[in-house]
C-alpha cells in the first residue's frame, strides 16, 4: 500500500515538473495574449533593419545611406506595430 502511494507521488511530481518546465512555451505561443514570441520576432526584425539598411547604404554611397535610413526606419515603425 505504501509503495502504491509512493509511486503515485513520484508520478504526480514528475508531471507537475513537466507542466511547470514547459509553461513558457505554452504562454509564449498563446494568441489570447497577442503571441509574445511573434511580437519579439517582429520587433527584432525591425531593429535589425533599422541598423542594417543604413549600413548597407553607407557601403554604396551617401544617397544610398539616406535611403537606407529611411527604409530601416520604416521597417522599425512597421514591426513595432505603430502603423
C-alpha atoms as a PDB file:
ATOM      1  CA  UNK A   1       0.000   0.000   0.000  1.00  0.00           C
ATOM      2  CA  UNK A   2       2.810   2.409   0.842  1.00  0.00           C
ATOM      3  CA  UNK A   3       4.596   1.633  -2.411  1.00  0.00           C
ATOM      4  CA  UNK A   4       1.449   2.498  -4.407  1.00  0.00           C
ATOM      5  CA  UNK A   5       1.185   5.857  -2.651  1.00  0.00           C
ATOM      6  CA  UNK A   6       4.892   6.467  -3.201  1.00  0.00           C
ATOM      7  CA  UNK A   7       4.585   5.603  -6.890  1.00  0.00           C
ATOM      8  CA  UNK A   8       1.591   7.933  -7.254  1.00  0.00           C
ATOM      9  CA  UNK A   9       3.540  10.703  -5.530  1.00  0.00           C
ATOM     10  CA  UNK A  10       6.530  10.220  -7.850  1.00  0.00           C
ATOM     11  CA  UNK A  11       4.322  10.242 -10.956  1.00  0.00           C
ATOM     12  CA  UNK A  12       2.468  13.336  -9.741  1.00  0.00           C
ATOM     13  CA  UNK A  13       5.716  15.204  -9.071  1.00  0.00           C
ATOM     14  CA  UNK A  14       7.052  14.215 -12.497  1.00  0.00           C
ATOM     15  CA  UNK A  15       4.021  15.563 -14.367  1.00  0.00           C
ATOM     16  CA  UNK A  16       3.904  18.703 -12.233  1.00  0.00           C
ATOM     17  CA  UNK A  17       7.568  19.369 -13.030  1.00  0.00           C
ATOM     18  CA  UNK A  18       6.969  18.788 -16.748  1.00  0.00           C
ATOM     19  CA  UNK A  19       3.991  21.164 -16.825  1.00  0.00           C
ATOM     20  CA  UNK A  20       5.867  23.898 -14.993  1.00  0.00           C
ATOM     21  CA  UNK A  21       9.016  23.491 -17.117  1.00  0.00           C
ATOM     22  CA  UNK A  22       7.018  23.701 -20.375  1.00  0.00           C
ATOM     23  CA  UNK A  23       4.768  26.581 -19.271  1.00  0.00           C
ATOM     24  CA  UNK A  24       6.896  29.250 -21.014  1.00  0.00           C
ATOM     25  CA  UNK A  25       6.295  27.555 -24.361  1.00  0.00           C
ATOM     26  CA  UNK A  26       2.570  27.453 -23.770  1.00  0.00           C
ATOM     27  CA  UNK A  27       2.310  31.044 -22.560  1.00  0.00           C
ATOM     28  CA  UNK A  28       4.662  32.294 -25.270  1.00  0.00           C
ATOM     29  CA  UNK A  29       2.549  30.921 -28.071  1.00  0.00           C
ATOM     30  CA  UNK A  30      -0.936  31.789 -26.851  1.00  0.00           C
ATOM     31  CA  UNK A  31      -2.710  34.125 -29.257  1.00  0.00           C
ATOM     32  CA  UNK A  32      -5.007  35.183 -26.436  1.00  0.00           C
ATOM     33  CA  UNK A  33      -2.283  37.499 -25.102  1.00  0.00           C
ATOM     34  CA  UNK A  34      -1.096  38.565 -28.536  1.00  0.00           C
ATOM     35  CA  UNK A  35       1.575  35.929 -29.226  1.00  0.00           C
ATOM     36  CA  UNK A  36       4.589  37.480 -27.451  1.00  0.00           C
ATOM     37  CA  UNK A  37       7.013  35.188 -29.275  1.00  0.00           C
ATOM     38  CA  UNK A  38       5.827  36.538 -32.634  1.00  0.00           C
ATOM     39  CA  UNK A  39       5.929  40.087 -31.276  1.00  0.00           C
ATOM     40  CA  UNK A  40       9.540  39.674 -30.174  1.00  0.00           C
ATOM     41  CA  UNK A  41      10.476  38.281 -33.591  1.00  0.00           C
ATOM     42  CA  UNK A  42       8.798  41.196 -35.320  1.00  0.00           C
ATOM     43  CA  UNK A  43      10.483  43.783 -33.097  1.00  0.00           C
ATOM     44  CA  UNK A  44      13.898  42.180 -33.558  1.00  0.00           C
ATOM     45  CA  UNK A  45      13.419  42.246 -37.350  1.00  0.00           C
ATOM     46  CA  UNK A  46      12.591  45.959 -37.193  1.00  0.00           C
ATOM     47  CA  UNK A  47      15.603  46.766 -35.015  1.00  0.00           C
ATOM     48  CA  UNK A  48      17.873  44.713 -37.263  1.00  0.00           C
ATOM     49  CA  UNK A  49      16.632  46.549 -40.370  1.00  0.00           C
ATOM     50  CA  UNK A  50      16.986  49.903 -38.593  1.00  0.00           C
ATOM     51  CA  UNK A  51      20.742  49.352 -38.293  1.00  0.00           C
ATOM     52  CA  UNK A  52      21.430  47.051 -41.251  1.00  0.00           C
ATOM     53  CA  UNK A  53      19.811  49.081 -44.038  1.00  0.00           C
ATOM     54  CA  UNK A  54      21.792  52.298 -43.354  1.00  0.00           C
ATOM     55  CA  UNK A  55      24.979  50.237 -43.015  1.00  0.00           C
ATOM     56  CA  UNK A  56      24.401  48.655 -46.422  1.00  0.00           C
ATOM     57  CA  UNK A  57      23.691  52.075 -47.915  1.00  0.00           C
ATOM     58  CA  UNK A  58      26.846  53.501 -46.354  1.00  0.00           C
ATOM     59  CA  UNK A  59      28.932  50.937 -48.226  1.00  0.00           C
ATOM     60  CA  UNK A  60      27.423  52.170 -51.529  1.00  0.00           C
ATOM     61  CA  UNK A  61      27.377  55.934 -51.028  1.00  0.00           C
ATOM     62  CA  UNK A  62      25.697  58.904 -49.339  1.00  0.00           C
ATOM     63  CA  UNK A  63      22.466  58.713 -51.349  1.00  0.00           C
ATOM     64  CA  UNK A  64      22.072  55.003 -50.604  1.00  0.00           C
ATOM     65  CA  UNK A  65      22.845  55.686 -46.939  1.00  0.00           C
ATOM     66  CA  UNK A  66      19.966  58.177 -46.784  1.00  0.00           C
ATOM     67  CA  UNK A  67      17.665  55.669 -48.479  1.00  0.00           C
ATOM     68  CA  UNK A  68      18.839  53.010 -46.019  1.00  0.00           C
ATOM     69  CA  UNK A  69      17.999  55.261 -43.065  1.00  0.00           C
ATOM     70  CA  UNK A  70      14.513  55.743 -44.475  1.00  0.00           C
ATOM     71  CA  UNK A  71      13.986  52.067 -45.260  1.00  0.00           C
ATOM     72  CA  UNK A  72      15.314  50.958 -41.878  1.00  0.00           C
ATOM     73  CA  UNK A  73      13.185  53.492 -40.022  1.00  0.00           C
ATOM     74  CA  UNK A  74      10.036  52.458 -41.865  1.00  0.00           C
ATOM     75  CA  UNK A  75      10.742  48.806 -41.118  1.00  0.00           C
ATOM     76  CA  UNK A  76      11.246  49.574 -37.420  1.00  0.00           C
ATOM     77  CA  UNK A  77       7.989  51.523 -37.186  1.00  0.00           C
ATOM     78  CA  UNK A  78       6.017  48.832 -39.042  1.00  0.00           C
ATOM     79  CA  UNK A  79       7.438  45.999 -36.962  1.00  0.00           C
ATOM     80  CA  UNK A  80       6.720  47.839 -33.724  1.00  0.00           C
ATOM     81  CA  UNK A  81       3.096  47.907 -34.814  1.00  0.00           C
ATOM     82  CA  UNK A  82       2.857  51.688 -34.944  1.00  0.00           C
ATOM     83  CA  UNK A  83       1.465  51.685 -38.482  1.00  0.00           C
END
